[in-house]
């Protein structure tokens, strides 16, 4: 990002995340691990690509680690959660 952006250039990154709300978490993870691969198979013919999404999301958690990396670099960064924590991301500006 540092190499690509000019000074004052803006960026935004978003990723699926594990929600913090306990009642939402099991349903959302079931959806990512089971429903999304079925939809991928039905509409795109490739469930393997989408099976990894639930596994990756469970390991990834949210974008706080990415926020920490960019916050130390040459950027002004803000961490954001969307849809009750089902997605998270960062947005920022290169200094």
Protein backbone atom coordinates (compact mmCIF):
# COMPACT_ATOMS: atom_id res chain seq x y z
CA UNK A 1 0.00 0.00 0.00
CA UNK A 2 2.86 2.34 0.83
CA UNK A 3 4.42 1.70 -2.57
CA UNK A 4 1.16 2.15 -4.49
CA UNK A 5 -0.35 5.24 -2.88
CA UNK A 6 0.80 8.80 -3.33
CA UNK A 7 0.96 11.07 -0.26
CA UNK A 8 -2.62 11.85 0.86
CA UNK A 9 -3.85 8.80 -1.08
CA UNK A 10 -6.79 6.98 0.49
CA UNK A 11 -7.44 3.25 0.85
CA UNK A 12 -10.03 0.92 2.31
CA UNK A 13 -9.88 -2.81 3.10
CA UNK A 14 -12.80 -4.98 4.24
CA UNK A 15 -13.04 -8.65 5.14
CA UNK A 16 -15.52 -11.08 6.65
CA UNK A 17 -15.08 -11.39 10.41
CA UNK A 18 -16.27 -13.38 13.40
CA UNK A 19 -19.04 -11.38 15.10
CA UNK A 20 -18.70 -10.55 18.79
CA UNK A 21 -22.39 -11.10 19.56
CA UNK A 22 -22.54 -14.60 21.07
CA UNK A 23 -25.99 -15.46 19.75
CA UNK A 24 -25.08 -14.38 16.21
CA UNK A 25 -21.68 -16.09 16.03
CA UNK A 26 -22.79 -19.77 15.69
CA UNK A 27 -25.42 -18.95 13.05
CA UNK A 28 -23.05 -16.80 11.04
CA UNK A 29 -20.23 -19.35 11.19
CA UNK A 30 -22.66 -22.10 10.13
CA UNK A 31 -23.69 -19.91 7.22
CA UNK A 32 -20.05 -19.32 6.16
CA UNK A 33 -18.98 -22.94 6.55
CA UNK A 34 -22.07 -24.68 5.15
CA UNK A 35 -24.41 -22.44 3.17
CA UNK A 36 -21.85 -20.38 1.26
CA UNK A 37 -20.11 -23.50 -0.19
CA UNK A 38 -23.50 -24.84 -1.34
CA UNK A 39 -24.32 -21.53 -3.01
CA UNK A 40 -20.87 -21.56 -4.60
CA UNK A 41 -21.51 -25.02 -6.01
CA UNK A 42 -25.00 -24.19 -7.29
CA UNK A 43 -24.18 -20.85 -8.90
CA UNK A 44 -20.49 -21.12 -9.72
CA UNK A 45 -19.77 -24.86 -9.76
CA UNK A 46 -16.87 -24.57 -7.31
CA UNK A 47 -17.60 -25.24 -3.62
CA UNK A 48 -13.91 -25.78 -2.75
CA UNK A 49 -13.16 -22.10 -3.17
CA UNK A 50 -15.89 -21.16 -0.70
CA UNK A 51 -15.26 -23.91 1.87
CA UNK A 52 -12.08 -22.15 2.94
CA UNK A 53 -13.99 -18.93 3.71
CA UNK A 54 -15.38 -20.22 7.03
CA UNK A 55 -12.06 -21.72 8.07
CA UNK A 56 -10.17 -18.57 7.16
CA UNK A 57 -12.69 -16.35 8.96
CA UNK A 58 -12.53 -18.41 12.14
CA UNK A 59 -8.72 -18.18 12.17
CA UNK A 60 -8.58 -14.56 11.02
CA UNK A 61 -11.08 -13.20 13.54
CA UNK A 62 -11.25 -9.59 12.42
CA UNK A 63 -9.16 -6.77 10.95
CA UNK A 64 -7.59 -5.62 14.24
CA UNK A 65 -4.24 -7.22 13.39
CA UNK A 66 -4.23 -5.49 10.01
CA UNK A 67 -5.11 -2.25 11.79
CA UNK A 68 -2.07 -2.72 14.03
CA UNK A 69 0.22 -3.25 11.05
CA UNK A 70 -1.00 -0.20 9.15
CA UNK A 71 -1.17 1.97 12.27
CA UNK A 72 2.60 1.55 12.74
CA UNK A 73 3.42 2.36 9.15
CA UNK A 74 3.19 5.63 7.23
CA UNK A 75 -0.63 5.83 7.48
CA UNK A 76 -3.47 7.38 9.46
CA UNK A 77 -5.85 4.45 9.94
CA UNK A 78 -9.33 3.82 11.34
CA UNK A 79 -10.76 0.40 12.31
CA UNK A 80 -14.43 -0.16 11.37
CA UNK A 81 -16.95 -2.95 12.01
CA UNK A 82 -19.96 -3.59 9.79
CA UNK A 83 -23.13 -5.70 10.20
CA UNK A 84 -22.71 -6.33 13.94
CA UNK A 85 -19.10 -7.41 13.46
CA UNK A 86 -19.74 -9.88 10.60
CA UNK A 87 -17.36 -7.76 8.54
CA UNK A 88 -14.52 -5.50 9.59
CA UNK A 89 -11.98 -3.38 7.89
CA UNK A 90 -9.70 -0.45 7.94
CA UNK A 91 -9.65 2.80 6.03
CA UNK A 92 -6.92 5.30 5.95
CA UNK A 93 -4.76 7.90 4.29
CA UNK A 94 -1.08 7.79 3.49
CA UNK A 95 0.77 10.54 5.35
